[in-house]
């Protein structure tokens, strides 16, 4: 008897960017395929996901193969189709920021002979670690912007951030500086820093407000 070449023999995960990483409170949508002996996809094969680590990773039944980040840490999920089971997929759940705070002074007075401020820095904090601790998250984007005075365009600006722009996105623990162009006004500049979670929610504490005074 010849084996049915179209019979399902394996389940394969298709993960965006090759790594299953999801932030707490966010959802990662992955692909799952049932393959036959030739490596072709078996159409309309029923598949459901099972979390092997329900404390860290959940399955979003409202989405097609959605993985929910429940708590920071390692996780694993498995796909099942009939009697066929996949190898476990490793999932990394990263901590979501709970608060944004200044990492230093929020007011800076520039020396008479200088035209550049001291670095303006913030910290993204995670309060829900195990054991409980306040952790400063690294490598997360924070957007700094000059909000006062308001300029119609970059060409009209008499102050800029260190990247010669009015807005800069840096990764924590990065910082920005404010640079005044020449000796012209203004004598003070307001810079705000804001951050969002991967799911689009604004991080508590945003925006952090800095004031830079020029002589």
C-alpha atoms as a PDB file:
ATOM      1  CA  UNK A   1       0.000   0.000   0.000  1.00  0.00           C
ATOM      2  CA  UNK A   2       1.347   3.420  -0.966  1.00  0.00           C
ATOM      3  CA  UNK A   3       1.350   6.048   1.776  1.00  0.00           C
ATOM      4  CA  UNK A   4      -0.811   9.095   1.155  1.00  0.00           C
ATOM      5  CA  UNK A   5       1.668  11.841   0.229  1.00  0.00           C
ATOM      6  CA  UNK A   6      -0.878  14.473   1.191  1.00  0.00           C
ATOM      7  CA  UNK A   7      -1.236  13.207   4.760  1.00  0.00           C
ATOM      8  CA  UNK A   8      -0.092  15.716   7.415  1.00  0.00           C
ATOM      9  CA  UNK A   9       3.273  14.852   8.949  1.00  0.00           C
ATOM     10  CA  UNK A  10       4.545  18.039  10.589  1.00  0.00           C
ATOM     11  CA  UNK A  11       3.541  21.440  11.955  1.00  0.00           C
ATOM     12  CA  UNK A  12       5.712  24.468  11.285  1.00  0.00           C
ATOM     13  CA  UNK A  13       5.707  27.873  12.996  1.00  0.00           C
ATOM     14  CA  UNK A  14       6.247  31.012  10.916  1.00  0.00           C
ATOM     15  CA  UNK A  15       7.494  33.770  13.219  1.00  0.00           C
ATOM     16  CA  UNK A  16       7.937  37.440  12.227  1.00  0.00           C
ATOM     17  CA  UNK A  17      11.623  38.376  12.043  1.00  0.00           C
ATOM     18  CA  UNK A  18      12.513  34.814  13.063  1.00  0.00           C
ATOM     19  CA  UNK A  19      12.205  35.439  16.816  1.00  0.00           C
ATOM     20  CA  UNK A  20       9.071  35.031  18.929  1.00  0.00           C
ATOM     21  CA  UNK A  21       9.306  38.081  21.187  1.00  0.00           C
ATOM     22  CA  UNK A  22       6.321  39.905  22.650  1.00  0.00           C
ATOM     23  CA  UNK A  23       6.020  42.651  25.239  1.00  0.00           C
ATOM     24  CA  UNK A  24       3.812  42.308  28.306  1.00  0.00           C
ATOM     25  CA  UNK A  25       0.180  43.281  27.540  1.00  0.00           C
ATOM     26  CA  UNK A  26       0.850  43.087  23.792  1.00  0.00           C
ATOM     27  CA  UNK A  27      -0.031  40.429  21.215  1.00  0.00           C
ATOM     28  CA  UNK A  28       2.255  38.744  18.692  1.00  0.00           C
ATOM     29  CA  UNK A  29       0.573  37.167  15.673  1.00  0.00           C
ATOM     30  CA  UNK A  30       2.479  34.206  14.245  1.00  0.00           C
ATOM     31  CA  UNK A  31       1.880  31.802  11.382  1.00  0.00           C
ATOM     32  CA  UNK A  32       1.285  28.074  11.765  1.00  0.00           C
ATOM     33  CA  UNK A  33       1.228  25.574   8.899  1.00  0.00           C
ATOM     34  CA  UNK A  34       0.521  21.870   8.676  1.00  0.00           C
ATOM     35  CA  UNK A  35       2.830  20.196   6.151  1.00  0.00           C
ATOM     36  CA  UNK A  36       2.520  16.991   4.160  1.00  0.00           C
ATOM     37  CA  UNK A  37       5.291  14.568   3.217  1.00  0.00           C
ATOM     38  CA  UNK A  38       6.352  16.775   0.313  1.00  0.00           C
ATOM     39  CA  UNK A  39       6.658  19.832   2.557  1.00  0.00           C
ATOM     40  CA  UNK A  40       3.572  21.443   1.075  1.00  0.00           C
ATOM     41  CA  UNK A  41       0.937  23.141   3.193  1.00  0.00           C
ATOM     42  CA  UNK A  42      -2.154  21.077   3.944  1.00  0.00           C
ATOM     43  CA  UNK A  43      -5.046  23.448   3.214  1.00  0.00           C
ATOM     44  CA  UNK A  44      -7.762  24.010   5.816  1.00  0.00           C
ATOM     45  CA  UNK A  45      -6.072  21.791   8.382  1.00  0.00           C
ATOM     46  CA  UNK A  46      -7.515  22.538  11.856  1.00  0.00           C
ATOM     47  CA  UNK A  47      -4.883  23.980  14.189  1.00  0.00           C
ATOM     48  CA  UNK A  48      -5.051  25.242  17.728  1.00  0.00           C
ATOM     49  CA  UNK A  49      -2.369  26.632  20.006  1.00  0.00           C
ATOM     50  CA  UNK A  50      -1.645  25.495  23.549  1.00  0.00           C
ATOM     51  CA  UNK A  51       0.444  27.504  26.013  1.00  0.00           C
ATOM     52  CA  UNK A  52       2.880  25.336  27.929  1.00  0.00           C
ATOM     53  CA  UNK A  53       3.696  28.276  30.211  1.00  0.00           C
ATOM     54  CA  UNK A  54       0.324  29.921  30.947  1.00  0.00           C
ATOM     55  CA  UNK A  55       1.834  32.295  33.520  1.00  0.00           C
ATOM     56  CA  UNK A  56       3.934  34.059  30.888  1.00  0.00           C
ATOM     57  CA  UNK A  57       2.225  33.420  27.533  1.00  0.00           C
ATOM     58  CA  UNK A  58      -1.454  33.227  26.681  1.00  0.00           C
ATOM     59  CA  UNK A  59      -3.308  32.411  23.484  1.00  0.00           C
ATOM     60  CA  UNK A  60      -5.581  35.097  22.039  1.00  0.00           C
ATOM     61  CA  UNK A  61      -8.615  33.229  20.732  1.00  0.00           C
ATOM     62  CA  UNK A  62      -9.928  36.392  19.072  1.00  0.00           C
ATOM     63  CA  UNK A  63      -6.930  36.485  16.728  1.00  0.00           C
ATOM     64  CA  UNK A  64      -5.613  33.859  14.345  1.00  0.00           C
ATOM     65  CA  UNK A  65      -2.608  32.431  16.199  1.00  0.00           C
ATOM     66  CA  UNK A  66      -2.119  35.383  18.552  1.00  0.00           C
ATOM     67  CA  UNK A  67       0.241  35.091  21.515  1.00  0.00           C
ATOM     68  CA  UNK A  68      -0.394  37.297  24.558  1.00  0.00           C
ATOM     69  CA  UNK A  69       2.462  38.536  26.716  1.00  0.00           C
ATOM     70  CA  UNK A  70       1.216  38.005  30.277  1.00  0.00           C
ATOM     71  CA  UNK A  71       4.376  38.293  32.392  1.00  0.00           C
ATOM     72  CA  UNK A  72       8.019  38.931  31.559  1.00  0.00           C
ATOM     73  CA  UNK A  73      10.061  35.765  31.197  1.00  0.00           C
ATOM     74  CA  UNK A  74      10.541  32.727  28.958  1.00  0.00           C
ATOM     75  CA  UNK A  75       7.541  30.892  27.574  1.00  0.00           C
ATOM     76  CA  UNK A  76       6.617  28.044  25.249  1.00  0.00           C
ATOM     77  CA  UNK A  77       3.645  27.236  23.056  1.00  0.00           C
ATOM     78  CA  UNK A  78       2.716  24.162  21.046  1.00  0.00           C
ATOM     79  CA  UNK A  79       0.461  23.727  18.008  1.00  0.00           C
ATOM     80  CA  UNK A  80      -1.886  20.749  17.676  1.00  0.00           C
ATOM     81  CA  UNK A  81      -3.705  19.454  14.617  1.00  0.00           C
ATOM     82  CA  UNK A  82      -5.635  16.256  15.235  1.00  0.00           C
ATOM     83  CA  UNK A  83      -3.164  13.719  16.618  1.00  0.00           C
ATOM     84  CA  UNK A  84      -0.218  15.751  15.317  1.00  0.00           C
ATOM     85  CA  UNK A  85       1.765  17.963  17.683  1.00  0.00           C
ATOM     86  CA  UNK A  86       4.487  20.493  16.918  1.00  0.00           C
ATOM     87  CA  UNK A  87       7.775  20.905  18.698  1.00  0.00           C
ATOM     88  CA  UNK A  88       7.454  23.639  21.346  1.00  0.00           C
ATOM     89  CA  UNK A  89       8.074  27.197  20.195  1.00  0.00           C
ATOM     90  CA  UNK A  90      10.141  29.312  22.577  1.00  0.00           C
ATOM     91  CA  UNK A  91       8.645  32.734  23.297  1.00  0.00           C
ATOM     92  CA  UNK A  92      10.401  35.606  25.052  1.00  0.00           C
ATOM     93  CA  UNK A  93       8.107  37.986  26.938  1.00  0.00           C
ATOM     94  CA  UNK A  94       9.809  41.304  27.611  1.00  0.00           C
ATOM     95  CA  UNK A  95       8.835  43.663  30.432  1.00  0.00           C
ATOM     96  CA  UNK A  96       6.542  46.569  29.635  1.00  0.00           C
ATOM     97  CA  UNK A  97       7.419  49.996  30.982  1.00  0.00           C
ATOM     98  CA  UNK A  98       5.298  51.081  33.937  1.00  0.00           C
ATOM     99  CA  UNK A  99       6.565  54.639  34.285  1.00  0.00           C
ATOM    100  CA  UNK A 100       8.716  57.268  32.598  1.00  0.00           C
ATOM    101  CA  UNK A 101      10.779  59.536  34.866  1.00  0.00           C
ATOM    102  CA  UNK A 102      13.607  62.025  34.578  1.00  0.00           C
ATOM    103  CA  UNK A 103      17.050  60.527  35.160  1.00  0.00           C
ATOM    104  CA  UNK A 104      18.621  63.700  36.494  1.00  0.00           C
ATOM    105  CA  UNK A 105      17.798  67.390  36.637  1.00  0.00           C
ATOM    106  CA  UNK A 106      14.796  68.699  34.720  1.00  0.00           C
ATOM    107  CA  UNK A 107      16.091  72.292  34.724  1.00  0.00           C
ATOM    108  CA  UNK A 108      19.426  73.278  33.230  1.00  0.00           C
ATOM    109  CA  UNK A 109      21.064  76.693  33.045  1.00  0.00           C
ATOM    110  CA  UNK A 110      23.686  76.878  30.325  1.00  0.00           C
ATOM    111  CA  UNK A 111      26.966  78.617  31.162  1.00  0.00           C
ATOM    112  CA  UNK A 112      27.618  82.045  29.639  1.00  0.00           C
ATOM    113  CA  UNK A 113      30.289  80.720  27.289  1.00  0.00           C
ATOM    114  CA  UNK A 114      28.292  77.684  26.119  1.00  0.00           C
ATOM    115  CA  UNK A 115      25.550  77.125  23.572  1.00  0.00           C
ATOM    116  CA  UNK A 116      24.750  73.490  24.398  1.00  0.00           C
ATOM    117  CA  UNK A 117      22.801  72.202  27.384  1.00  0.00           C
ATOM    118  CA  UNK A 118      23.706  69.352  29.683  1.00  0.00           C
ATOM    119  CA  UNK A 119      22.305  65.953  28.620  1.00  0.00           C
ATOM    120  CA  UNK A 120      18.567  65.559  29.219  1.00  0.00           C
ATOM    121  CA  UNK A 121      17.804  61.967  30.158  1.00  0.00           C
ATOM    122  CA  UNK A 122      14.898  59.794  31.271  1.00  0.00           C
ATOM    123  CA  UNK A 123      14.469  56.273  32.598  1.00  0.00           C
ATOM    124  CA  UNK A 124      11.763  53.782  31.674  1.00  0.00           C
ATOM    125  CA  UNK A 125      10.899  51.877  34.824  1.00  0.00           C
ATOM    126  CA  UNK A 126       9.404  48.431  35.363  1.00  0.00           C
ATOM    127  CA  UNK A 127       7.791  47.901  38.769  1.00  0.00           C
ATOM    128  CA  UNK A 128       6.470  44.389  38.173  1.00  0.00           C
ATOM    129  CA  UNK A 129       9.518  42.191  38.416  1.00  0.00           C
ATOM    130  CA  UNK A 130      10.030  39.028  40.421  1.00  0.00           C
ATOM    131  CA  UNK A 131      11.198  39.544  43.101  1.00  0.00           C
ATOM    132  CA  UNK A 132       9.652  43.034  43.213  1.00  0.00           C
ATOM    133  CA  UNK A 133      12.156  45.713  42.258  1.00  0.00           C
ATOM    134  CA  UNK A 134      12.419  48.903  40.226  1.00  0.00           C
ATOM    135  CA  UNK A 135      14.221  48.083  37.005  1.00  0.00           C
ATOM    136  CA  UNK A 136      15.379  50.605  34.418  1.00  0.00           C
ATOM    137  CA  UNK A 137      14.600  49.138  31.006  1.00  0.00           C
ATOM    138  CA  UNK A 138      17.304  49.354  28.373  1.00  0.00           C
ATOM    139  CA  UNK A 139      17.033  49.763  24.623  1.00  0.00           C
ATOM    140  CA  UNK A 140      13.499  51.178  24.598  1.00  0.00           C
ATOM    141  CA  UNK A 141      12.551  54.153  22.386  1.00  0.00           C
ATOM    142  CA  UNK A 142      11.790  57.544  23.929  1.00  0.00           C
ATOM    143  CA  UNK A 143      10.841  60.584  21.847  1.00  0.00           C
ATOM    144  CA  UNK A 144      12.165  64.024  22.825  1.00  0.00           C
ATOM    145  CA  UNK A 145      10.681  67.144  21.268  1.00  0.00           C
ATOM    146  CA  UNK A 146      11.176  70.888  21.547  1.00  0.00           C
ATOM    147  CA  UNK A 147       7.693  72.134  22.417  1.00  0.00           C
ATOM    148  CA  UNK A 148       8.407  75.786  23.287  1.00  0.00           C
ATOM    149  CA  UNK A 149       9.049  78.019  21.599  1.00  0.00           C
ATOM    150  CA  UNK A 150       7.084  76.678  18.647  1.00  0.00           C
ATOM    151  CA  UNK A 151       8.731  76.963  15.233  1.00  0.00           C
ATOM    152  CA  UNK A 152       6.933  76.799  11.903  1.00  0.00           C
ATOM    153  CA  UNK A 153       9.768  74.797  10.393  1.00  0.00           C
ATOM    154  CA  UNK A 154      13.220  73.486  11.154  1.00  0.00           C
ATOM    155  CA  UNK A 155      14.696  76.227   8.999  1.00  0.00           C
ATOM    156  CA  UNK A 156      13.106  78.850  11.237  1.00  0.00           C
ATOM    157  CA  UNK A 157      14.329  77.258  14.450  1.00  0.00           C
ATOM    158  CA  UNK A 158      16.878  79.105  16.556  1.00  0.00           C
ATOM    159  CA  UNK A 159      17.382  76.045  18.807  1.00  0.00           C
ATOM    160  CA  UNK A 160      17.576  72.362  17.937  1.00  0.00           C
ATOM    161  CA  UNK A 161      18.248  69.081  19.620  1.00  0.00           C
ATOM    162  CA  UNK A 162      21.657  67.489  19.250  1.00  0.00           C
ATOM    163  CA  UNK A 163      20.600  65.712  16.058  1.00  0.00           C
ATOM    164  CA  UNK A 164      19.951  69.110  14.423  1.00  0.00           C
ATOM    165  CA  UNK A 165      16.202  68.492  14.521  1.00  0.00           C
ATOM    166  CA  UNK A 166      13.217  69.489  16.648  1.00  0.00           C
ATOM    167  CA  UNK A 167      12.353  65.861  17.460  1.00  0.00           C
ATOM    168  CA  UNK A 168      14.621  62.940  18.307  1.00  0.00           C
ATOM    169  CA  UNK A 169      13.915  59.324  19.215  1.00  0.00           C
ATOM    170  CA  UNK A 170      16.643  57.676  21.283  1.00  0.00           C
ATOM    171  CA  UNK A 171      16.952  54.296  22.967  1.00  0.00           C
ATOM    172  CA  UNK A 172      17.247  54.207  26.743  1.00  0.00           C
ATOM    173  CA  UNK A 173      19.526  55.027  28.476  1.00  0.00           C
ATOM    174  CA  UNK A 174      20.244  57.590  25.750  1.00  0.00           C
ATOM    175  CA  UNK A 175      19.851  61.332  26.173  1.00  0.00           C
ATOM    176  CA  UNK A 176      19.615  64.509  24.119  1.00  0.00           C
ATOM    177  CA  UNK A 177      21.073  67.994  24.351  1.00  0.00           C
ATOM    178  CA  UNK A 178      19.660  71.335  23.277  1.00  0.00           C
ATOM    179  CA  UNK A 179      21.805  73.543  21.057  1.00  0.00           C
ATOM    180  CA  UNK A 180      21.169  77.240  20.463  1.00  0.00           C
ATOM    181  CA  UNK A 181      22.089  78.541  17.051  1.00  0.00           C
ATOM    182  CA  UNK A 182      24.244  81.628  17.573  1.00  0.00           C
ATOM    183  CA  UNK A 183      23.405  84.147  20.282  1.00  0.00           C
ATOM    184  CA  UNK A 184      19.827  84.732  19.196  1.00  0.00           C
ATOM    185  CA  UNK A 185      16.693  84.208  21.228  1.00  0.00           C
ATOM    186  CA  UNK A 186      15.066  82.316  22.876  1.00  0.00           C
ATOM    187  CA  UNK A 187      16.506  82.487  26.347  1.00  0.00           C
ATOM    188  CA  UNK A 188      14.583  79.381  27.454  1.00  0.00           C
ATOM    189  CA  UNK A 189      13.507  76.153  25.787  1.00  0.00           C
ATOM    190  CA  UNK A 190      10.990  73.500  26.854  1.00  0.00           C
ATOM    191  CA  UNK A 191      11.687  69.901  25.864  1.00  0.00           C
ATOM    192  CA  UNK A 192       9.313  67.024  26.516  1.00  0.00           C
ATOM    193  CA  UNK A 193      10.046  63.293  26.533  1.00  0.00           C
ATOM    194  CA  UNK A 194       7.369  60.658  25.916  1.00  0.00           C
ATOM    195  CA  UNK A 195       7.218  56.895  25.553  1.00  0.00           C
ATOM    196  CA  UNK A 196       4.649  54.303  24.527  1.00  0.00           C
ATOM    197  CA  UNK A 197       4.345  50.585  25.076  1.00  0.00           C
ATOM    198  CA  UNK A 198       4.436  48.144  22.181  1.00  0.00           C
ATOM    199  CA  UNK A 199       0.615  48.052  22.219  1.00  0.00           C
ATOM    200  CA  UNK A 200       0.453  51.828  21.732  1.00  0.00           C
ATOM    201  CA  UNK A 201      -0.480  52.756  25.294  1.00  0.00           C
ATOM    202  CA  UNK A 202       1.211  55.900  26.590  1.00  0.00           C
ATOM    203  CA  UNK A 203       3.598  55.120  29.444  1.00  0.00           C
ATOM    204  CA  UNK A 204       2.591  56.667  32.774  1.00  0.00           C
ATOM    205  CA  UNK A 205       4.604  59.801  33.491  1.00  0.00           C
ATOM    206  CA  UNK A 206       4.713  60.923  29.862  1.00  0.00           C
ATOM    207  CA  UNK A 207       5.532  63.586  29.004  1.00  0.00           C
ATOM    208  CA  UNK A 208       8.507  64.434  31.201  1.00  0.00           C
ATOM    209  CA  UNK A 209       9.177  68.184  30.963  1.00  0.00           C
ATOM    210  CA  UNK A 210      12.628  69.789  30.833  1.00  0.00           C
ATOM    211  CA  UNK A 211      13.476  73.510  30.798  1.00  0.00           C
ATOM    212  CA  UNK A 212      16.793  74.808  29.495  1.00  0.00           C
ATOM    213  CA  UNK A 213      17.823  78.424  30.184  1.00  0.00           C
ATOM    214  CA  UNK A 214      20.360  80.196  27.990  1.00  0.00           C
ATOM    215  CA  UNK A 215      22.264  83.303  29.105  1.00  0.00           C
END
